Amino acid sequence: MVLSDSLFTRSGTLNYDDKYKGASAKSLSSLKEDKGLSKDGFLLNNARVLMGSGVETFEKGKNALRSWRYV
């Protein structure tokens, strides 16, 4: 089972429409041109922040993502 399948199974009902599937894989410029996500209320944010570097930071980030839960 892939992580996303497991996540959706455990989260119960989730406000998710198939038309959004794969949207984050598209470039920001193509999403801005499409305007579909913006019209549906999604904020397009391409901000990036360096959280740290090195193996310890990577492991902490990986563990945080693995333990993340929908509320």
C-alpha atoms as a PDB file:
ATOM      1  CA  MET A   1       0.000   0.000   0.000  1.00  0.00           C
ATOM      2  CA  VAL A   2       1.366   3.436  -0.880  1.00  0.00           C
ATOM      3  CA  LEU A   3       1.474   6.181   1.729  1.00  0.00           C
ATOM      4  CA  SER A   4      -1.263   8.246   0.036  1.00  0.00           C
ATOM      5  CA  ASP A   5      -3.645   5.256  -0.111  1.00  0.00           C
ATOM      6  CA  SER A   6      -3.039   4.565   3.556  1.00  0.00           C
ATOM      7  CA  LEU A   7      -3.568   8.224   4.410  1.00  0.00           C
ATOM      8  CA  PHE A   8      -6.899   8.414   2.611  1.00  0.00           C
ATOM      9  CA  THR A   9      -8.070   5.136   4.127  1.00  0.00           C
ATOM     10  CA  ARG A  10      -7.296   6.282   7.679  1.00  0.00           C
ATOM     11  CA  SER A  11      -8.638   9.814   7.238  1.00  0.00           C
ATOM     12  CA  GLY A  12     -12.246   8.713   6.673  1.00  0.00           C
ATOM     13  CA  THR A  13     -14.283  11.136   4.629  1.00  0.00           C
ATOM     14  CA  LEU A  14     -12.114  13.703   2.949  1.00  0.00           C
ATOM     15  CA  ASN A  15     -13.217  16.621   0.812  1.00  0.00           C
ATOM     16  CA  TYR A  16     -11.289  15.472  -2.237  1.00  0.00           C
ATOM     17  CA  ASP A  17     -12.277  15.615  -5.882  1.00  0.00           C
ATOM     18  CA  ASP A  18     -10.448  13.617  -8.550  1.00  0.00           C
ATOM     19  CA  LYS A  19     -10.069  16.752 -10.683  1.00  0.00           C
ATOM     20  CA  TYR A  20      -7.393  17.936  -8.218  1.00  0.00           C
ATOM     21  CA  LYS A  21      -5.356  14.736  -8.477  1.00  0.00           C
ATOM     22  CA  GLY A  22      -1.818  15.500  -9.617  1.00  0.00           C
ATOM     23  CA  ALA A  23      -2.266  19.277  -9.428  1.00  0.00           C
ATOM     24  CA  SER A  24       0.816  19.738  -7.260  1.00  0.00           C
ATOM     25  CA  ALA A  25       2.948  18.007  -9.904  1.00  0.00           C
ATOM     26  CA  LYS A  26       2.260  20.822 -12.379  1.00  0.00           C
ATOM     27  CA  SER A  27       4.433  23.916 -12.566  1.00  0.00           C
ATOM     28  CA  LEU A  28       3.263  27.053 -10.775  1.00  0.00           C
ATOM     29  CA  SER A  29       3.113  28.964 -14.049  1.00  0.00           C
ATOM     30  CA  SER A  30       0.812  26.378 -15.659  1.00  0.00           C
ATOM     31  CA  LEU A  31      -1.438  26.388 -12.573  1.00  0.00           C
ATOM     32  CA  LYS A  32      -1.655  30.192 -12.697  1.00  0.00           C
ATOM     33  CA  GLU A  33      -2.569  30.040 -16.396  1.00  0.00           C
ATOM     34  CA  ASP A  34      -5.237  27.387 -15.770  1.00  0.00           C
ATOM     35  CA  LYS A  35      -6.875  29.357 -12.908  1.00  0.00           C
ATOM     36  CA  GLY A  36      -9.008  26.310 -12.060  1.00  0.00           C
ATOM     37  CA  LEU A  37      -7.571  25.830  -8.596  1.00  0.00           C
ATOM     38  CA  SER A  38      -7.804  29.530  -7.761  1.00  0.00           C
ATOM     39  CA  LYS A  39     -11.468  29.611  -8.764  1.00  0.00           C
ATOM     40  CA  ASP A  40     -12.102  26.630  -6.471  1.00  0.00           C
ATOM     41  CA  GLY A  41     -10.597  28.472  -3.498  1.00  0.00           C
ATOM     42  CA  PHE A  42      -7.056  27.107  -3.470  1.00  0.00           C
ATOM     43  CA  LEU A  43      -4.217  29.523  -2.731  1.00  0.00           C
ATOM     44  CA  LEU A  44      -1.242  29.026  -5.018  1.00  0.00           C
ATOM     45  CA  ASN A  45       1.831  29.459  -2.842  1.00  0.00           C
ATOM     46  CA  ASN A  46       5.317  28.721  -4.093  1.00  0.00           C
ATOM     47  CA  ALA A  47       7.124  29.885  -0.956  1.00  0.00           C
ATOM     48  CA  ARG A  48      10.155  27.912   0.135  1.00  0.00           C
ATOM     49  CA  VAL A  49      11.917  28.027   3.478  1.00  0.00           C
ATOM     50  CA  LEU A  50      15.180  26.341   4.391  1.00  0.00           C
ATOM     51  CA  MET A  51      14.429  24.358   7.544  1.00  0.00           C
ATOM     52  CA  GLY A  52      17.996  23.208   8.065  1.00  0.00           C
ATOM     53  CA  SER A  53      20.469  20.847   6.503  1.00  0.00           C
ATOM     54  CA  GLY A  54      22.115  17.530   7.144  1.00  0.00           C
ATOM     55  CA  VAL A  55      21.033  14.026   8.024  1.00  0.00           C
ATOM     56  CA  GLU A  56      19.505  14.906  11.408  1.00  0.00           C
ATOM     57  CA  THR A  57      17.258  17.591   9.881  1.00  0.00           C
ATOM     58  CA  PHE A  58      16.243  15.233   7.079  1.00  0.00           C
ATOM     59  CA  GLU A  59      15.337  12.467   9.535  1.00  0.00           C
ATOM     60  CA  LYS A  60      13.289  14.857  11.704  1.00  0.00           C
ATOM     61  CA  GLY A  61      11.399  16.113   8.658  1.00  0.00           C
ATOM     62  CA  LYS A  62      10.802  12.589   7.382  1.00  0.00           C
ATOM     63  CA  ASN A  63       9.466  11.475  10.772  1.00  0.00           C
ATOM     64  CA  ALA A  64       7.229  14.535  11.023  1.00  0.00           C
ATOM     65  CA  LEU A  65       5.681  13.804   7.611  1.00  0.00           C
ATOM     66  CA  ARG A  66       5.187  10.135   8.459  1.00  0.00           C
ATOM     67  CA  SER A  67       3.395  10.991  11.711  1.00  0.00           C
ATOM     68  CA  TRP A  68       1.269  13.787  10.201  1.00  0.00           C
ATOM     69  CA  ARG A  69      -2.497  13.290  10.526  1.00  0.00           C
ATOM     70  CA  TYR A  70      -5.546  15.035   9.148  1.00  0.00           C
ATOM     71  CA  VAL A  71      -7.548  16.616  11.920  1.00  0.00           C
END
